[in-house]
């Protein structure tokens, strides 16, 4: 079920007796369960009719026994099972030859109970009878992990939803610094929202001042320096990284550069080099297409292939393979030398 339609149904009180929230991305599981907890019962009703259980502390039998109770002076009772993945074996286990406990409950759920499972980092097999039983009487929502290339769009949409805008470079900085953890990203956007103080755009300068990400010394600027063959700037950034290895470990920098030059190689192979087609095939924002065009003009296809091979070699050395005594500073310098050659 799509997130928007799910939340809309809850708002309109088109409620189901079971909500099974599962998947690799915990952010949406937390958000939906929080929304359910906030919108089904009034504050007065919650005292007697809202129960939170934790998978590591209870059995499935206890969960279902709680769900079979009747509400007190309310239309519904809400039973929230957090960390339900700890009940994974019980949820899938058969208690007789035909079905398991949850499957049996899903076939005849308590109409006045809303049972919510927060089943993080895992998902039910769609072929299982228990999945089909829950899907028939309730809602199954799969919270999928976003791909890295989807994160910038997610950040931009989240900022827009709050009534602000964010520059492409600022989006890239947040993506690089925070990765694909939507919870972390949301927390940082919350902080930025508090300090915007009337300003409507999140800029690299605001991020540098308030989150501590340098707008000049980061992996995005390093790949851009290599792409434009500004080796003086690349050396300054590498020197900064060498002195701040805790925040800029080489094992994270190399994959970013590898991804960049892999896309430059892909660009070389495209017949249609229109901006829209390049953005679509490289899975990048149209704003950054020019960076790949410049890099492709500076590095012929054969040279790009050599750089990719070098990055693989440096990556292995950074992980201690055939270079136990090499320091990150040594490897950064070797990388610069070989790309420049």
Protein backbone atom coordinates (compact mmCIF):
# COMPACT_ATOMS: atom_id res chain seq x y z
CA UNK A 1 0.00 0.00 0.00
CA UNK A 2 1.30 3.47 -0.83
CA UNK A 3 2.25 5.72 2.07
CA UNK A 4 -0.01 8.66 1.12
CA UNK A 5 -3.12 6.56 0.66
CA UNK A 6 -2.39 4.67 3.88
CA UNK A 7 -2.12 7.86 5.92
CA UNK A 8 -5.21 9.27 4.22
CA UNK A 9 -7.24 6.18 5.14
CA UNK A 10 -6.11 6.44 8.76
CA UNK A 11 -7.10 10.14 8.83
CA UNK A 12 -10.53 9.23 7.47
CA UNK A 13 -10.76 6.41 10.04
CA UNK A 14 -10.90 3.71 7.38
CA UNK A 15 -9.10 1.48 9.83
CA UNK A 16 -7.97 -2.12 9.53
CA UNK A 17 -7.62 -4.58 12.42
CA UNK A 18 -3.97 -5.38 11.60
CA UNK A 19 -1.12 -3.19 10.35
CA UNK A 20 2.04 -5.12 9.54
CA UNK A 21 4.81 -2.59 8.90
CA UNK A 22 7.94 -4.28 7.62
CA UNK A 23 11.13 -3.67 5.65
CA UNK A 24 14.70 -2.47 5.57
CA UNK A 25 13.98 1.24 6.11
CA UNK A 26 12.95 1.86 9.75
CA UNK A 27 12.08 5.53 9.14
CA UNK A 28 8.67 4.90 7.54
CA UNK A 29 7.83 2.14 10.00
CA UNK A 30 8.40 4.58 12.86
CA UNK A 31 6.45 7.35 11.14
CA UNK A 32 3.41 5.22 10.31
CA UNK A 33 3.26 3.58 13.75
CA UNK A 34 3.58 7.01 15.37
CA UNK A 35 0.78 8.32 13.15
CA UNK A 36 -1.45 5.38 14.09
CA UNK A 37 -0.67 5.89 17.77
CA UNK A 38 -1.51 9.58 17.56
CA UNK A 39 -4.68 9.47 15.47
CA UNK A 40 -6.84 6.52 16.50
CA UNK A 41 -7.56 7.30 20.16
CA UNK A 42 -8.07 10.54 22.03
CA UNK A 43 -5.67 11.39 24.83
CA UNK A 44 -8.28 10.37 27.42
CA UNK A 45 -8.88 7.03 25.69
CA UNK A 46 -5.19 6.15 25.47
CA UNK A 47 -4.76 5.61 29.20
CA UNK A 48 -6.85 2.41 29.17
CA UNK A 49 -6.83 1.43 25.53
CA UNK A 50 -3.32 1.89 24.12
CA UNK A 51 -0.73 -0.78 24.89
CA UNK A 52 2.89 -0.87 23.72
CA UNK A 53 4.68 -4.21 23.75
CA UNK A 54 8.24 -5.10 22.75
CA UNK A 55 9.05 -8.23 20.78
CA UNK A 56 12.00 -9.22 22.96
CA UNK A 57 9.87 -9.08 26.13
CA UNK A 58 6.69 -10.88 25.09
CA UNK A 59 5.54 -13.97 23.23
CA UNK A 60 3.22 -13.94 20.23
CA UNK A 61 0.62 -15.64 22.40
CA UNK A 62 0.73 -12.70 24.85
CA UNK A 63 0.42 -10.23 21.96
CA UNK A 64 -2.65 -11.95 20.55
CA UNK A 65 -4.22 -12.40 23.98
CA UNK A 66 -3.89 -8.64 24.50
CA UNK A 67 -5.39 -7.96 21.07
CA UNK A 68 -8.42 -10.11 21.91
CA UNK A 69 -9.42 -7.87 24.81
CA UNK A 70 -12.27 -5.38 24.49
CA UNK A 71 -11.72 -1.61 24.71
CA UNK A 72 -12.86 0.37 27.75
CA UNK A 73 -15.18 3.29 26.97
CA UNK A 74 -13.71 3.67 23.49
CA UNK A 75 -14.42 2.41 19.98
CA UNK A 76 -11.04 0.72 19.69
CA UNK A 77 -8.04 -0.45 21.64
CA UNK A 78 -4.59 -0.09 20.05
CA UNK A 79 -1.89 -2.73 20.56
CA UNK A 80 1.53 -1.63 19.28
CA UNK A 81 4.25 -4.29 18.97
CA UNK A 82 7.63 -2.59 18.61
CA UNK A 83 10.74 -4.53 17.55
CA UNK A 84 8.37 -7.23 16.27
CA UNK A 85 11.23 -8.77 14.29
CA UNK A 86 12.26 -10.38 17.60
CA UNK A 87 9.07 -12.44 17.27
CA UNK A 88 10.04 -13.57 13.79
CA UNK A 89 10.28 -17.28 14.59
CA UNK A 90 6.94 -17.31 16.37
CA UNK A 91 5.24 -15.31 13.62
CA UNK A 92 6.35 -17.86 11.05
CA UNK A 93 6.09 -21.00 13.19
CA UNK A 94 3.28 -23.49 12.67
CA UNK A 95 1.47 -24.67 15.79
CA UNK A 96 -0.36 -27.39 13.93
CA UNK A 97 -0.29 -28.89 10.46
CA UNK A 98 -2.43 -26.17 8.93
CA UNK A 99 -1.63 -22.72 10.32
CA UNK A 100 0.16 -20.65 12.93
CA UNK A 101 -1.18 -18.35 15.62
CA UNK A 102 -0.97 -15.10 13.69
CA UNK A 103 -2.51 -16.60 10.58
CA UNK A 104 -5.42 -17.90 12.66
CA UNK A 105 -5.90 -14.50 14.32
CA UNK A 106 -5.73 -12.68 10.97
CA UNK A 107 -8.52 -14.85 9.62
CA UNK A 108 -10.78 -13.79 12.49
CA UNK A 109 -9.34 -10.60 14.04
CA UNK A 110 -10.89 -8.73 16.94
CA UNK A 111 -12.95 -6.02 15.24
CA UNK A 112 -12.45 -3.51 18.07
CA UNK A 113 -8.65 -3.92 18.21
CA UNK A 114 -6.00 -2.29 16.03
CA UNK A 115 -2.93 -4.54 16.15
CA UNK A 116 0.27 -2.92 14.83
CA UNK A 117 3.49 -4.84 14.16
CA UNK A 118 6.73 -2.85 13.68
CA UNK A 119 8.78 -5.52 11.91
CA UNK A 120 12.06 -3.76 11.11
CA UNK A 121 14.90 -4.85 8.81
CA UNK A 122 12.98 -7.96 7.70
CA UNK A 123 9.93 -8.80 5.64
CA UNK A 124 7.45 -11.62 5.37
CA UNK A 125 7.61 -13.96 2.40
CA UNK A 126 4.63 -13.15 0.16
CA UNK A 127 4.23 -16.86 -0.56
CA UNK A 128 3.51 -17.67 3.10
CA UNK A 129 -0.08 -18.24 4.19
CA UNK A 130 0.40 -15.87 7.12
CA UNK A 131 1.27 -13.05 4.68
CA UNK A 132 -1.83 -13.70 2.61
CA UNK A 133 -4.04 -13.89 5.69
CA UNK A 134 -2.78 -10.54 7.02
CA UNK A 135 -3.04 -8.90 3.59
CA UNK A 136 -6.67 -10.04 3.28
CA UNK A 137 -7.91 -8.64 6.59
CA UNK A 138 -5.36 -5.92 7.28
CA UNK A 139 -2.60 -3.82 5.75
CA UNK A 140 0.95 -4.86 4.91
CA UNK A 141 3.31 -1.95 4.25
CA UNK A 142 6.83 -2.63 3.01
CA UNK A 143 9.26 0.16 3.87
CA UNK A 144 12.00 -0.17 1.26
CA UNK A 145 15.49 1.21 1.62
CA UNK A 146 16.14 4.05 -0.80
CA UNK A 147 18.99 3.78 -3.28
CA UNK A 148 21.80 6.30 -2.81
CA UNK A 149 20.83 8.13 -5.99
CA UNK A 150 17.28 8.60 -4.62
CA UNK A 151 18.41 10.38 -1.45
CA UNK A 152 18.95 13.87 -2.97
CA UNK A 153 15.41 13.87 -4.38
CA UNK A 154 14.04 12.68 -1.03
CA UNK A 155 15.87 15.52 0.79
CA UNK A 156 14.61 18.11 -1.68
CA UNK A 157 11.02 16.85 -1.38
CA UNK A 158 11.17 16.74 2.42
CA UNK A 159 12.51 20.30 2.60
CA UNK A 160 9.86 21.48 0.11
CA UNK A 161 7.14 19.79 2.17
CA UNK A 162 8.20 21.99 5.08
CA UNK A 163 7.93 25.15 3.00
CA UNK A 164 11.62 25.68 2.25
CA UNK A 165 14.03 25.11 -0.63
CA UNK A 166 17.55 23.73 -0.69
CA UNK A 167 20.31 24.36 -3.19
CA UNK A 168 21.62 21.39 -5.22
CA UNK A 169 25.07 21.68 -3.62
CA UNK A 170 23.59 21.79 -0.11
CA UNK A 171 21.56 18.68 -0.97
CA UNK A 172 24.70 16.94 -2.13
CA UNK A 173 26.55 17.89 1.07
CA UNK A 174 23.83 16.41 3.26
CA UNK A 175 23.73 13.27 1.15
CA UNK A 176 27.48 12.78 1.38
CA UNK A 177 27.69 13.50 5.09
CA UNK A 178 24.60 11.61 6.27
CA UNK A 179 24.33 8.79 3.74
CA UNK A 180 20.97 7.05 3.30
CA UNK A 181 19.84 7.10 6.94
CA UNK A 182 16.51 8.94 6.65
CA UNK A 183 16.24 9.27 10.42
CA UNK A 184 19.57 11.11 10.61
CA UNK A 185 18.71 13.27 7.63
CA UNK A 186 15.38 14.25 9.19
CA UNK A 187 17.04 15.15 12.48
CA UNK A 188 19.50 17.45 10.71
CA UNK A 189 16.73 19.09 8.67
CA UNK A 190 14.86 19.64 11.96
CA UNK A 191 17.92 21.48 13.32
CA UNK A 192 18.29 23.57 10.19
CA UNK A 193 14.60 24.50 10.26
CA UNK A 194 15.03 25.87 13.77
CA UNK A 195 17.93 28.15 12.84
CA UNK A 196 16.73 29.40 9.44
CA UNK A 197 15.16 32.38 11.19
CA UNK A 198 13.06 33.69 8.32
CA UNK A 199 15.35 32.48 5.54
CA UNK A 200 13.66 30.23 3.01
CA UNK A 201 16.61 28.44 1.41
CA UNK A 202 19.09 26.00 2.94
CA UNK A 203 22.51 26.85 1.49
CA UNK A 204 25.96 25.24 1.81
CA UNK A 205 26.98 28.14 4.05
CA UNK A 206 24.12 27.45 6.47
CA UNK A 207 25.05 23.76 6.55
CA UNK A 208 28.71 24.55 7.18
CA UNK A 209 27.90 26.95 10.00
CA UNK A 210 25.37 24.72 11.76
CA UNK A 211 26.14 21.09 10.95
CA UNK A 212 29.90 21.28 10.59
CA UNK A 213 30.23 20.04 7.01
CA UNK A 214 32.86 22.03 5.14
CA UNK A 215 31.47 23.45 1.91
CA UNK A 216 34.98 23.55 0.40
CA UNK A 217 36.63 20.40 1.74
CA UNK A 218 34.42 17.42 1.04
CA UNK A 219 34.17 14.49 -1.36
CA UNK A 220 31.88 16.38 -3.71
CA UNK A 221 34.45 19.15 -4.14
CA UNK A 222 37.23 16.55 -4.52
CA UNK A 223 35.48 14.74 -7.37
CA UNK A 224 34.74 18.08 -9.00
CA UNK A 225 38.41 19.10 -8.68
CA UNK A 226 39.49 15.84 -10.33
CA UNK A 227 36.83 16.23 -13.02
CA UNK A 228 38.06 19.71 -13.95
CA UNK A 229 41.72 18.70 -13.56
CA UNK A 230 42.18 21.31 -10.84
CA UNK A 231 44.91 19.29 -9.17
CA UNK A 232 46.00 22.17 -6.93
CA UNK A 233 42.56 22.21 -5.36
CA UNK A 234 42.49 18.40 -5.24
CA UNK A 235 45.81 18.44 -3.34
CA UNK A 236 44.44 20.96 -0.80
CA UNK A 237 41.37 18.80 -0.19
CA UNK A 238 43.45 15.62 0.10
CA UNK A 239 45.77 17.36 2.55
CA UNK A 240 42.71 18.41 4.61
CA UNK A 241 41.37 14.84 4.52
CA UNK A 242 44.76 13.50 5.65
CA UNK A 243 44.67 15.77 8.68
CA UNK A 244 41.03 14.90 9.44
CA UNK A 245 40.98 11.16 8.80
CA UNK A 246 38.32 10.48 11.40
CA UNK A 247 35.76 12.54 9.49
CA UNK A 248 37.14 11.70 6.05
CA UNK A 249 38.26 8.06 6.01
CA UNK A 250 39.75 7.01 2.70
CA UNK A 251 37.58 3.87 2.65
CA UNK A 252 34.55 6.16 2.17
CA UNK A 253 36.20 8.61 -0.25
CA UNK A 254 37.36 5.98 -2.76
CA UNK A 255 33.87 4.52 -3.43
CA UNK A 256 32.53 8.04 -4.07
CA UNK A 257 35.28 8.73 -6.61
CA UNK A 258 34.77 5.27 -8.10
CA UNK A 259 31.07 6.01 -8.55
CA UNK A 260 31.88 9.37 -10.17
CA UNK A 261 34.35 8.00 -12.72
CA UNK A 262 32.13 4.99 -13.42
CA UNK A 263 29.44 7.45 -14.48
CA UNK A 264 31.95 9.36 -16.60
CA UNK A 265 32.72 6.06 -18.34
CA UNK A 266 28.99 5.45 -18.81
CA UNK A 267 28.66 8.94 -20.30
CA UNK A 268 31.33 8.11 -22.88
CA UNK A 269 29.24 5.16 -24.02
CA UNK A 270 25.99 7.09 -24.48
CA UNK A 271 24.85 7.82 -28.01
CA UNK A 272 22.27 10.36 -26.91
CA UNK A 273 24.16 12.94 -24.89
CA UNK A 274 21.25 15.30 -24.33
CA UNK A 275 21.04 16.65 -20.81
CA UNK A 276 17.80 14.80 -20.00
CA UNK A 277 19.09 11.47 -21.29
CA UNK A 278 22.40 11.82 -19.47
CA UNK A 279 20.64 12.64 -16.19
CA UNK A 280 18.32 9.67 -16.64
CA UNK A 281 21.04 7.13 -17.50
CA UNK A 282 23.57 8.36 -14.93
CA UNK A 283 20.80 8.72 -12.32
CA UNK A 284 21.94 12.19 -11.31
CA UNK A 285 20.27 15.57 -11.01
CA UNK A 286 20.28 17.56 -14.29
CA UNK A 287 22.06 20.27 -12.27
CA UNK A 288 25.18 18.07 -12.08
CA UNK A 289 25.23 16.80 -15.67
CA UNK A 290 27.77 19.46 -16.66
CA UNK A 291 30.27 18.01 -14.14
CA UNK A 292 30.26 14.70 -16.01
CA UNK A 293 30.49 16.38 -19.40
CA UNK A 294 33.54 18.37 -18.29
CA UNK A 295 35.19 15.26 -16.84
CA UNK A 296 34.50 13.25 -20.01
CA UNK A 297 36.06 16.00 -22.10
CA UNK A 298 39.13 16.00 -19.85
CA UNK A 299 39.56 12.22 -19.65
CA UNK A 300 39.23 9.96 -22.73
CA UNK A 301 37.45 6.65 -22.23
CA UNK A 302 40.69 4.64 -21.98
CA UNK A 303 42.06 6.99 -19.32
CA UNK A 304 38.82 6.77 -17.32
CA UNK A 305 39.11 2.97 -17.38
CA UNK A 306 42.65 3.31 -16.03
CA UNK A 307 41.49 5.63 -13.24
CA UNK A 308 38.79 3.14 -12.24
CA UNK A 309 41.45 0.40 -12.08
CA UNK A 310 43.60 2.68 -9.92
CA UNK A 311 40.70 3.36 -7.57
CA UNK A 312 40.13 -0.38 -7.17
CA UNK A 313 43.82 -0.83 -6.34
CA UNK A 314 43.83 2.05 -3.81
CA UNK A 315 40.63 0.72 -2.26
CA UNK A 316 42.24 -2.67 -1.64
CA UNK A 317 45.36 -1.05 -0.21
CA UNK A 318 43.19 1.10 2.05
CA UNK A 319 41.73 -2.10 3.42
CA UNK A 320 45.19 -3.50 4.14
CA UNK A 321 45.66 -5.74 1.09
CA UNK A 322 49.34 -5.77 -0.02
CA UNK A 323 49.94 -2.42 1.67
CA UNK A 324 49.93 -2.98 5.41
CA UNK A 325 52.37 -0.13 6.06
CA UNK A 326 50.74 2.43 3.74
CA UNK A 327 49.05 5.31 5.57
CA UNK A 328 45.91 7.03 4.26
CA UNK A 329 48.10 10.06 3.48
CA UNK A 330 50.38 7.86 1.34
CA UNK A 331 47.38 6.42 -0.49
CA UNK A 332 45.79 9.82 -1.10
CA UNK A 333 49.07 11.06 -2.61
CA UNK A 334 49.42 7.93 -4.74
CA UNK A 335 45.87 8.43 -5.99
CA UNK A 336 46.54 12.05 -6.92
CA UNK A 337 49.77 11.14 -8.69
CA UNK A 338 48.20 8.35 -10.74
CA UNK A 339 45.12 10.34 -11.77
CA UNK A 340 47.31 13.29 -12.73
CA UNK A 341 49.73 11.14 -14.78
